[in-house]
Amino acid sequence: MTGSPELTLGQRAQYIANDIAVGIVSINPDPSKPAVRLVLRDFSGPGGRPETQVTARPGDVLDWGARRLTLTAVVSADAAGARRDADGRPVGYITFHDDPTPGTPE
């Protein structure tokens, strides 16, 4: 179980914290099959993991660098709960938790 607050990342934004960066490449437009393609970057210094892309679904846990990302929701722009950008266009988003990987200092 995660102890961190739930975070939200919009489709045209990046999450940068704790020596990692997460960006959304794409979200499956079919709300009945929630999935997201993420790009992950490790900024922990030499020896850090190379940039990579992964497909994830709600409930997936991604250990990246010294962080454990737990995906809790994927909402496509076409879904009823989609948010709107500054221009009023629907935007998909994900919600997740960012915790230290077990065994690593916070």
Protein backbone atom coordinates (compact mmCIF):
# COMPACT_ATOMS: atom_id res chain seq x y z
CA MET A 1 0.00 0.00 0.00
CA THR A 2 1.21 3.47 -0.81
CA GLY A 3 1.64 6.21 1.75
CA SER A 4 1.97 9.15 -0.62
CA PRO A 5 -0.79 11.48 -1.78
CA GLU A 6 -2.50 10.78 -5.09
CA LEU A 7 -1.03 12.93 -7.88
CA THR A 8 -2.63 13.96 -11.18
CA LEU A 9 -0.75 14.36 -14.46
CA GLY A 10 -2.48 15.86 -17.48
CA GLN A 11 -1.84 14.70 -21.01
CA ARG A 12 0.15 17.79 -22.01
CA ALA A 13 2.25 18.06 -18.85
CA GLN A 14 5.25 16.43 -17.16
CA TYR A 15 5.82 15.28 -13.61
CA ILE A 16 9.37 16.00 -12.43
CA ALA A 17 10.35 15.14 -8.85
CA ASN A 18 12.64 12.87 -6.86
CA ASP A 19 15.19 12.50 -9.72
CA ILE A 20 12.62 11.17 -12.19
CA ALA A 21 10.43 12.62 -14.92
CA VAL A 22 7.19 11.17 -16.26
CA GLY A 23 5.39 12.31 -19.39
CA ILE A 24 2.33 11.01 -21.21
CA VAL A 25 2.97 9.98 -24.81
CA SER A 26 -0.60 8.86 -25.48
CA ILE A 27 -3.76 7.63 -23.79
CA ASN A 28 -5.97 4.94 -25.30
CA PRO A 29 -9.05 6.84 -26.52
CA ASP A 30 -11.41 3.97 -25.62
CA PRO A 31 -12.59 4.66 -22.04
CA SER A 32 -13.57 1.00 -21.60
CA LYS A 33 -9.91 -0.06 -22.04
CA PRO A 34 -7.87 2.43 -20.00
CA ALA A 35 -4.18 2.38 -20.88
CA VAL A 36 -1.45 4.98 -21.15
CA ARG A 37 1.93 5.13 -22.89
CA LEU A 38 4.44 6.85 -20.61
CA VAL A 39 7.97 8.10 -21.13
CA LEU A 40 10.18 7.74 -18.04
CA ARG A 41 13.46 9.53 -17.40
CA ASP A 42 15.95 9.03 -14.57
CA PHE A 43 17.89 12.13 -13.49
CA SER A 44 19.78 10.50 -10.63
CA GLY A 45 23.13 10.95 -12.36
CA PRO A 46 25.67 8.66 -14.03
CA GLY A 47 24.51 5.08 -13.95
CA GLY A 48 20.86 6.08 -13.98
CA ARG A 49 18.44 4.17 -16.16
CA PRO A 50 18.11 5.24 -19.80
CA GLU A 51 14.93 6.95 -20.99
CA THR A 52 12.27 4.41 -21.85
CA GLN A 53 8.61 4.13 -22.76
CA VAL A 54 6.12 1.77 -21.13
CA THR A 55 2.44 0.99 -21.49
CA ALA A 56 0.59 0.94 -18.18
CA ARG A 57 -2.92 0.38 -16.87
CA PRO A 58 -4.64 1.24 -13.59
CA GLY A 59 -3.17 -0.90 -10.82
CA ASP A 60 0.23 -1.27 -12.50
CA VAL A 61 3.32 -0.58 -10.37
CA LEU A 62 6.41 0.83 -12.08
CA ASP A 63 9.74 0.74 -10.24
CA TRP A 64 11.83 3.47 -11.84
CA GLY A 65 15.11 4.74 -10.44
CA ALA A 66 14.63 4.90 -6.68
CA ARG A 67 10.88 5.46 -7.06
CA ARG A 68 7.79 3.26 -7.18
CA LEU A 69 4.94 4.71 -9.25
CA THR A 70 1.51 3.15 -8.66
CA LEU A 71 -0.99 4.02 -11.37
CA THR A 72 -4.50 4.48 -9.95
CA ALA A 73 -6.50 5.82 -12.92
CA VAL A 74 -6.26 6.51 -16.65
CA VAL A 75 -8.90 8.86 -18.04
CA SER A 76 -9.02 9.50 -21.79
CA ALA A 77 -10.06 12.85 -23.27
CA ASP A 78 -13.20 11.13 -24.57
CA ALA A 79 -14.24 9.87 -21.12
CA ALA A 80 -16.97 11.51 -19.09
CA GLY A 81 -14.51 12.57 -16.37
CA ALA A 82 -12.00 14.24 -18.69
CA ARG A 83 -10.67 17.64 -17.70
CA ARG A 84 -10.45 20.71 -19.91
CA ASP A 85 -7.36 22.68 -20.88
CA ALA A 86 -7.16 26.49 -20.92
CA ASP A 87 -8.81 26.54 -24.37
CA GLY A 88 -11.71 24.37 -23.23
CA ARG A 89 -10.56 21.23 -25.06
CA PRO A 90 -10.93 17.89 -23.26
CA VAL A 91 -7.65 16.52 -21.93
CA GLY A 92 -6.94 13.03 -20.63
CA TYR A 93 -4.98 12.45 -17.44
CA ILE A 94 -3.61 9.84 -15.07
CA THR A 95 -3.56 9.64 -11.30
CA PHE A 96 -0.74 7.89 -9.46
CA HIS A 97 1.31 7.65 -6.27
CA ASP A 98 5.07 8.33 -6.13
CA ASP A 99 6.74 6.40 -3.30
CA PRO A 100 10.33 5.35 -2.64
CA THR A 101 11.23 1.91 -3.94
CA PRO A 102 11.27 -0.45 -0.93
CA GLY A 103 14.73 -0.61 0.58
CA THR A 104 15.82 2.83 -0.64
CA PRO A 105 16.08 5.91 1.57
CA GLU A 106 13.47 8.59 1.05
